[in-house]
Amino acid sequence: MKSIKVASDIVPVGEFKTGIAKYLKNIKEMGNTLIITQNGRPAGVLLSPFEYDKLVDRKLFIDSVNRGLADVESGNIYTTKELKDELRKRRAKRKTK
């Protein structure tokens, strides 16, 4: 995600309403994030679908790594042989269905 430019990436909701098409085009083309304020406080963040997808993918990856680390800490692990045996069982089960 690009860094936020205070001069151009933070707009009041009234200004956003009047220039919504311009802001959406800028977000789509430039990949900028827009912070929308209401009564001088941040009220929302608008970002491109591409940037949103990147954030979601990154969050899913980090969550997966954290689950793996928690499994290691709790001893919930397989040896290579155990894993191969388990995979063979699951494949055999799928073939019989």
N, C-alpha and C. Protein backbone atom coordinates (compact mmCIF):
# COMPACT_ATOMS: atom_id res chain seq x y z
N MET A 1 0.85 -1.17 0.00
CA MET A 1 0.00 0.00 0.00
C MET A 1 0.89 1.23 0.00
N LYS A 2 0.50 2.23 -0.79
CA LYS A 2 1.26 3.47 -0.88
C LYS A 2 1.07 4.28 0.39
N SER A 3 2.03 5.16 0.66
CA SER A 3 1.90 6.01 1.83
C SER A 3 0.83 7.07 1.57
N ILE A 4 0.26 7.56 2.63
CA ILE A 4 -0.82 8.53 2.53
C ILE A 4 -0.23 9.93 2.48
N LYS A 5 -0.72 10.73 1.52
CA LYS A 5 -0.30 12.13 1.39
C LYS A 5 -1.39 12.98 2.04
N VAL A 6 -1.04 13.66 3.11
CA VAL A 6 -2.01 14.44 3.87
C VAL A 6 -2.70 15.48 2.98
N ALA A 7 -1.96 16.08 2.07
CA ALA A 7 -2.52 17.15 1.24
C ALA A 7 -3.57 16.66 0.25
N SER A 8 -3.46 15.43 -0.21
CA SER A 8 -4.39 14.98 -1.25
C SER A 8 -5.18 13.72 -0.91
N ASP A 9 -4.80 13.00 0.10
CA ASP A 9 -5.45 11.71 0.39
C ASP A 9 -6.38 11.76 1.60
N ILE A 10 -6.60 12.94 2.15
CA ILE A 10 -7.54 13.10 3.26
C ILE A 10 -8.53 14.19 2.84
N VAL A 11 -9.82 13.83 2.76
CA VAL A 11 -10.83 14.80 2.32
C VAL A 11 -12.05 14.74 3.22
N PRO A 12 -12.69 15.89 3.42
CA PRO A 12 -13.95 15.90 4.18
C PRO A 12 -15.06 15.22 3.39
N VAL A 13 -16.03 14.67 4.07
CA VAL A 13 -17.11 13.92 3.42
C VAL A 13 -17.87 14.80 2.41
N GLY A 14 -18.06 16.07 2.71
CA GLY A 14 -18.77 16.96 1.79
C GLY A 14 -18.01 17.11 0.47
N GLU A 15 -16.71 17.28 0.56
CA GLU A 15 -15.88 17.38 -0.64
C GLU A 15 -15.88 16.05 -1.41
N PHE A 16 -15.85 14.95 -0.67
CA PHE A 16 -15.89 13.64 -1.31
C PHE A 16 -17.20 13.46 -2.08
N LYS A 17 -18.31 13.86 -1.47
CA LYS A 17 -19.62 13.72 -2.13
C LYS A 17 -19.67 14.46 -3.46
N THR A 18 -19.11 15.66 -3.48
CA THR A 18 -19.20 16.46 -4.71
C THR A 18 -18.23 15.98 -5.79
N GLY A 19 -17.17 15.27 -5.40
CA GLY A 19 -16.19 14.83 -6.38
C GLY A 19 -15.98 13.33 -6.41
N ILE A 20 -17.04 12.58 -6.08
CA ILE A 20 -16.89 11.13 -5.93
C ILE A 20 -16.33 10.46 -7.17
N ALA A 21 -16.79 10.84 -8.35
CA ALA A 21 -16.31 10.21 -9.59
C ALA A 21 -14.80 10.46 -9.75
N LYS A 22 -14.36 11.67 -9.47
CA LYS A 22 -12.95 12.02 -9.58
C LYS A 22 -12.11 11.20 -8.60
N TYR A 23 -12.59 11.07 -7.37
CA TYR A 23 -11.84 10.32 -6.37
C TYR A 23 -11.78 8.83 -6.70
N LEU A 24 -12.90 8.28 -7.16
CA LEU A 24 -12.91 6.86 -7.53
C LEU A 24 -11.97 6.60 -8.71
N LYS A 25 -11.96 7.48 -9.68
CA LYS A 25 -11.06 7.34 -10.83
C LYS A 25 -9.60 7.39 -10.37
N ASN A 26 -9.29 8.32 -9.48
CA ASN A 26 -7.92 8.46 -8.96
C ASN A 26 -7.50 7.22 -8.18
N ILE A 27 -8.39 6.69 -7.38
CA ILE A 27 -8.07 5.49 -6.60
C ILE A 27 -7.83 4.31 -7.53
N LYS A 28 -8.67 4.19 -8.55
CA LYS A 28 -8.53 3.08 -9.49
C LYS A 28 -7.23 3.19 -10.30
N GLU A 29 -6.94 4.37 -10.80
CA GLU A 29 -5.77 4.55 -11.67
C GLU A 29 -4.45 4.62 -10.90
N MET A 30 -4.45 5.29 -9.77
CA MET A 30 -3.21 5.53 -9.03
C MET A 30 -2.99 4.57 -7.87
N GLY A 31 -4.04 3.89 -7.46
CA GLY A 31 -3.91 2.96 -6.34
C GLY A 31 -3.81 3.66 -5.00
N ASN A 32 -4.15 4.95 -4.96
CA ASN A 32 -4.09 5.69 -3.70
C ASN A 32 -5.19 5.26 -2.75
N THR A 33 -4.96 5.48 -1.49
CA THR A 33 -5.97 5.26 -0.46
C THR A 33 -6.52 6.62 -0.08
N LEU A 34 -7.80 6.71 0.17
CA LEU A 34 -8.42 7.98 0.51
C LEU A 34 -9.04 7.87 1.90
N ILE A 35 -8.71 8.80 2.76
CA ILE A 35 -9.30 8.86 4.09
C ILE A 35 -10.37 9.95 4.04
N ILE A 36 -11.58 9.58 4.42
CA ILE A 36 -12.70 10.51 4.41
C ILE A 36 -13.00 10.91 5.84
N THR A 37 -13.06 12.23 6.06
CA THR A 37 -13.29 12.73 7.42
C THR A 37 -14.70 13.27 7.55
N GLN A 38 -15.17 13.26 8.78
CA GLN A 38 -16.48 13.83 9.11
C GLN A 38 -16.30 14.57 10.42
N ASN A 39 -16.64 15.83 10.42
CA ASN A 39 -16.44 16.69 11.60
C ASN A 39 -14.97 16.69 12.04
N GLY A 40 -14.06 16.66 11.06
CA GLY A 40 -12.64 16.73 11.34
C GLY A 40 -11.99 15.45 11.83
N ARG A 41 -12.76 14.38 11.88
CA ARG A 41 -12.22 13.09 12.35
C ARG A 41 -12.33 12.06 11.24
N PRO A 42 -11.40 11.11 11.21
CA PRO A 42 -11.49 10.04 10.20
C PRO A 42 -12.81 9.28 10.37
N ALA A 43 -13.53 9.10 9.24
CA ALA A 43 -14.80 8.40 9.28
C ALA A 43 -14.79 7.16 8.39
N GLY A 44 -13.89 7.13 7.43
CA GLY A 44 -13.83 5.98 6.54
C GLY A 44 -12.57 6.00 5.71
N VAL A 45 -12.28 4.83 5.14
CA VAL A 45 -11.11 4.69 4.28
C VAL A 45 -11.59 4.02 2.99
N LEU A 46 -11.19 4.59 1.88
CA LEU A 46 -11.56 4.05 0.58
C LEU A 46 -10.28 3.62 -0.12
N LEU A 47 -10.26 2.38 -0.58
CA LEU A 47 -9.08 1.90 -1.30
C LEU A 47 -9.51 1.09 -2.49
N SER A 48 -8.59 0.87 -3.41
CA SER A 48 -8.92 0.16 -4.64
C SER A 48 -9.20 -1.31 -4.34
N PRO A 49 -9.97 -1.97 -5.19
CA PRO A 49 -10.22 -3.40 -5.00
C PRO A 49 -8.92 -4.19 -4.97
N PHE A 50 -7.95 -3.81 -5.78
CA PHE A 50 -6.66 -4.50 -5.81
C PHE A 50 -5.96 -4.40 -4.46
N GLU A 51 -5.93 -3.18 -3.88
CA GLU A 51 -5.29 -3.00 -2.57
C GLU A 51 -6.05 -3.75 -1.49
N TYR A 52 -7.37 -3.76 -1.57
CA TYR A 52 -8.18 -4.51 -0.60
C TYR A 52 -7.83 -6.00 -0.67
N ASP A 53 -7.78 -6.54 -1.89
CA ASP A 53 -7.44 -7.96 -2.04
C ASP A 53 -6.06 -8.27 -1.48
N LYS A 54 -5.10 -7.37 -1.70
CA LYS A 54 -3.76 -7.58 -1.15
C LYS A 54 -3.79 -7.62 0.37
N LEU A 55 -4.56 -6.73 0.98
CA LEU A 55 -4.66 -6.72 2.45
C LEU A 55 -5.29 -8.00 2.97
N VAL A 56 -6.35 -8.45 2.31
CA VAL A 56 -7.03 -9.68 2.74
C VAL A 56 -6.08 -10.88 2.59
N ASP A 57 -5.40 -10.97 1.45
CA ASP A 57 -4.46 -12.08 1.24
C ASP A 57 -3.35 -12.07 2.28
N ARG A 58 -2.82 -10.90 2.59
CA ARG A 58 -1.76 -10.79 3.59
C ARG A 58 -2.27 -11.23 4.96
N LYS A 59 -3.49 -10.81 5.30
CA LYS A 59 -4.08 -11.20 6.59
C LYS A 59 -4.28 -12.71 6.67
N LEU A 60 -4.79 -13.31 5.60
CA LEU A 60 -4.98 -14.76 5.59
C LEU A 60 -3.65 -15.50 5.73
N PHE A 61 -2.61 -15.01 5.06
CA PHE A 61 -1.29 -15.63 5.16
C PHE A 61 -0.75 -15.53 6.59
N ILE A 62 -0.83 -14.35 7.18
CA ILE A 62 -0.33 -14.16 8.55
C ILE A 62 -1.11 -15.03 9.53
N ASP A 63 -2.43 -15.11 9.36
CA ASP A 63 -3.24 -15.98 10.23
C ASP A 63 -2.81 -17.44 10.10
N SER A 64 -2.53 -17.87 8.87
CA SER A 64 -2.10 -19.25 8.62
C SER A 64 -0.76 -19.53 9.29
N VAL A 65 0.16 -18.61 9.16
CA VAL A 65 1.48 -18.77 9.81
C VAL A 65 1.31 -18.84 11.32
N ASN A 66 0.48 -17.97 11.86
CA ASN A 66 0.25 -17.97 13.31
C ASN A 66 -0.37 -19.28 13.79
N ARG A 67 -1.31 -19.84 13.00
CA ARG A 67 -1.89 -21.15 13.37
C ARG A 67 -0.80 -22.22 13.35
N GLY A 68 0.06 -22.17 12.35
CA GLY A 68 1.15 -23.15 12.27
C GLY A 68 2.09 -23.04 13.45
N LEU A 69 2.45 -21.82 13.82
CA LEU A 69 3.34 -21.62 14.97
C LEU A 69 2.68 -22.11 16.26
N ALA A 70 1.37 -21.85 16.39
CA ALA A 70 0.65 -22.32 17.58
C ALA A 70 0.62 -23.84 17.62
N ASP A 71 0.44 -24.48 16.45
CA ASP A 71 0.48 -25.94 16.40
C ASP A 71 1.83 -26.48 16.84
N VAL A 72 2.89 -25.86 16.39
CA VAL A 72 4.24 -26.30 16.77
C VAL A 72 4.42 -26.16 18.28
N GLU A 73 4.02 -25.02 18.83
CA GLU A 73 4.17 -24.80 20.27
C GLU A 73 3.36 -25.80 21.10
N SER A 74 2.19 -26.20 20.59
CA SER A 74 1.35 -27.13 21.35
C SER A 74 1.69 -28.59 21.07
N GLY A 75 2.65 -28.81 20.16
CA GLY A 75 3.05 -30.18 19.86
C GLY A 75 2.14 -30.86 18.86
N ASN A 76 1.27 -30.12 18.23
CA ASN A 76 0.35 -30.67 17.25
C ASN A 76 1.04 -30.72 15.88
N ILE A 77 1.96 -31.67 15.74
CA ILE A 77 2.77 -31.76 14.52
C ILE A 77 2.82 -33.21 14.04
N TYR A 78 3.19 -33.39 12.79
CA TYR A 78 3.37 -34.71 12.19
C TYR A 78 4.84 -34.87 11.81
N THR A 79 5.35 -36.07 11.93
CA THR A 79 6.65 -36.37 11.33
C THR A 79 6.40 -36.53 9.83
N THR A 80 7.45 -36.54 9.05
CA THR A 80 7.29 -36.71 7.60
C THR A 80 6.59 -38.02 7.29
N LYS A 81 6.97 -39.08 7.99
CA LYS A 81 6.36 -40.39 7.76
C LYS A 81 4.87 -40.36 8.12
N GLU A 82 4.53 -39.76 9.25
CA GLU A 82 3.14 -39.67 9.66
C GLU A 82 2.31 -38.88 8.65
N LEU A 83 2.88 -37.81 8.14
CA LEU A 83 2.18 -36.98 7.16
C LEU A 83 1.94 -37.77 5.87
N LYS A 84 2.95 -38.45 5.40
CA LYS A 84 2.79 -39.24 4.17
C LYS A 84 1.75 -40.33 4.36
N ASP A 85 1.76 -41.00 5.50
CA ASP A 85 0.77 -42.04 5.78
C ASP A 85 -0.65 -41.45 5.80
N GLU A 86 -0.80 -40.30 6.44
CA GLU A 86 -2.11 -39.64 6.52
C GLU A 86 -2.59 -39.23 5.14
N LEU A 87 -1.71 -38.70 4.32
CA LEU A 87 -2.09 -38.30 2.96
C LEU A 87 -2.49 -39.52 2.12
N ARG A 88 -1.77 -40.62 2.27
CA ARG A 88 -2.12 -41.85 1.55
C ARG A 88 -3.52 -42.32 1.94
N LYS A 89 -3.82 -42.29 3.23
CA LYS A 89 -5.14 -42.71 3.72
C LYS A 89 -6.24 -41.83 3.11
N ARG A 90 -6.02 -40.53 3.10
CA ARG A 90 -7.03 -39.61 2.58
C ARG A 90 -7.23 -39.79 1.08
N ARG A 91 -6.15 -40.02 0.37
CA ARG A 91 -6.27 -40.25 -1.09
C ARG A 91 -7.01 -41.54 -1.37
N ALA A 92 -6.70 -42.57 -0.59
CA ALA A 92 -7.37 -43.87 -0.77
C ALA A 92 -8.86 -43.72 -0.47
N LYS A 93 -9.19 -42.95 0.53
CA LYS A 93 -10.58 -42.73 0.91
C LYS A 93 -11.32 -42.02 -0.21
N ARG A 94 -10.67 -41.02 -0.83
CA ARG A 94 -11.29 -40.29 -1.93
C ARG A 94 -11.54 -41.16 -3.15
N LYS A 95 -10.64 -42.08 -3.42
CA LYS A 95 -10.78 -42.97 -4.58
C LYS A 95 -11.95 -43.92 -4.42
N THR A 96 -12.27 -44.29 -3.18
CA THR A 96 -13.36 -45.25 -2.95
C THR A 96 -14.73 -44.58 -3.01
N LYS A 97 -14.78 -43.28 -3.01
CA LYS A 97 -16.08 -42.57 -3.01
C LYS A 97 -16.64 -42.46 -4.39
